[in-house]
Amino acid sequence: MSAVVKWWSRAAAAVTGVMLTLVVPVHAWAASNGVADVAIEAAKYRRRRGGFGFFGFLGGLCCLVVIAAIVLAIVLATRGRRKKQP
């Protein structure tokens, strides 16, 4: 149980660090240059389309590739940390 708690706390710390690394600068940038007004106008003007569209498909595919890379990195890291039996 202790190993699971250690792994979970390390994973939570890593995810928190990554999120803060990404979110804080983006939030500061968006707050400083009027992006909020542009986003509101874009939401008002948004056209209704059926389905995801081509760019929605690429965005979803990119998201899946990133998630797969993260999972693969975690699996390889945990596999390499296992102690070999004598």
Protein backbone atom coordinates (compact mmCIF):
# COMPACT_ATOMS: atom_id res chain seq x y z
CA MET A 1 0.00 0.00 0.00
CA SER A 2 2.86 2.34 0.74
CA ALA A 3 4.21 2.02 -2.80
CA VAL A 4 0.82 2.93 -4.24
CA VAL A 5 0.57 5.99 -2.01
CA LYS A 6 4.07 7.11 -3.00
CA TRP A 7 3.34 6.61 -6.70
CA TRP A 8 0.01 8.43 -6.44
CA SER A 9 1.51 11.39 -4.60
CA ARG A 10 4.34 11.68 -7.14
CA ALA A 11 1.89 11.49 -10.04
CA ALA A 12 -0.37 14.11 -8.44
CA ALA A 13 2.61 16.41 -7.85
CA ALA A 14 3.77 16.00 -11.44
CA VAL A 15 0.32 16.69 -12.88
CA THR A 16 -0.11 19.72 -10.61
CA GLY A 17 3.26 21.09 -11.66
CA VAL A 18 2.52 20.63 -15.34
CA MET A 19 -0.89 22.25 -15.03
CA LEU A 20 0.50 25.24 -13.17
CA THR A 21 3.33 25.54 -15.67
CA LEU A 22 0.82 25.72 -18.50
CA VAL A 23 -2.14 27.51 -16.95
CA VAL A 24 -0.50 30.42 -15.13
CA PRO A 25 1.33 31.95 -18.14
CA VAL A 26 -1.64 31.39 -20.44
CA HIS A 27 -3.98 33.03 -17.96
CA ALA A 28 -1.67 36.01 -17.56
CA TRP A 29 -1.36 36.38 -21.33
CA ALA A 30 -5.10 36.11 -21.90
CA ALA A 31 -5.88 38.64 -19.19
CA SER A 32 -3.46 41.20 -20.57
CA ASN A 33 -4.35 41.47 -24.26
CA GLY A 34 -8.13 41.39 -24.67
CA VAL A 35 -8.47 37.74 -25.65
CA ALA A 36 -11.56 37.49 -23.45
CA ASP A 37 -13.41 39.96 -25.70
CA VAL A 38 -12.40 38.00 -28.79
CA ALA A 39 -13.53 34.74 -27.19
CA ILE A 40 -16.92 36.22 -26.31
CA GLU A 41 -17.39 37.52 -29.85
CA ALA A 42 -16.37 34.15 -31.29
CA ALA A 43 -18.86 32.38 -29.04
CA LYS A 44 -21.63 34.70 -30.20
CA TYR A 45 -20.71 34.27 -33.86
CA ARG A 46 -20.17 30.51 -33.76
CA ARG A 47 -21.87 28.75 -36.61
CA ARG A 48 -23.87 25.63 -36.02
CA ARG A 49 -22.34 22.72 -37.85
CA GLY A 50 -23.13 19.07 -37.77
CA GLY A 51 -20.50 16.72 -36.44
CA PHE A 52 -16.96 17.46 -35.41
CA GLY A 53 -15.57 18.58 -38.71
CA PHE A 54 -12.04 17.98 -39.94
CA PHE A 55 -10.28 20.13 -37.33
CA GLY A 56 -12.28 18.55 -34.51
CA PHE A 57 -11.06 15.16 -35.70
CA LEU A 58 -7.44 16.32 -35.78
CA GLY A 59 -7.79 17.86 -32.33
CA GLY A 60 -9.22 14.64 -30.92
CA LEU A 61 -6.49 12.61 -32.58
CA CYS A 62 -3.81 14.90 -31.19
CA CYS A 63 -5.34 14.60 -27.71
CA LEU A 64 -5.30 10.81 -27.92
CA VAL A 65 -1.66 10.79 -29.05
CA VAL A 66 -0.65 13.02 -26.14
CA ILE A 67 -2.51 10.85 -23.64
CA ALA A 68 -0.95 7.70 -25.10
CA ALA A 69 2.53 9.24 -24.85
CA ILE A 70 1.96 10.17 -21.20
CA VAL A 71 0.68 6.69 -20.35
CA LEU A 72 3.62 5.10 -22.18
CA ALA A 73 6.10 7.30 -20.31
CA ILE A 74 4.53 6.35 -16.97
CA VAL A 75 4.54 2.64 -17.82
CA LEU A 76 8.17 2.71 -18.94
CA ALA A 77 9.20 4.69 -15.87
CA THR A 78 7.48 2.32 -13.48
CA ARG A 79 8.80 -0.74 -15.31
CA GLY A 80 12.37 0.55 -15.07
CA ARG A 81 12.02 1.23 -11.34
CA ARG A 82 11.10 -2.34 -10.45
CA LYS A 83 13.76 -4.19 -8.57
CA LYS A 84 15.10 -7.26 -10.27
CA GLN A 85 14.86 -10.43 -8.25
CA PRO A 86 18.16 -12.19 -7.45
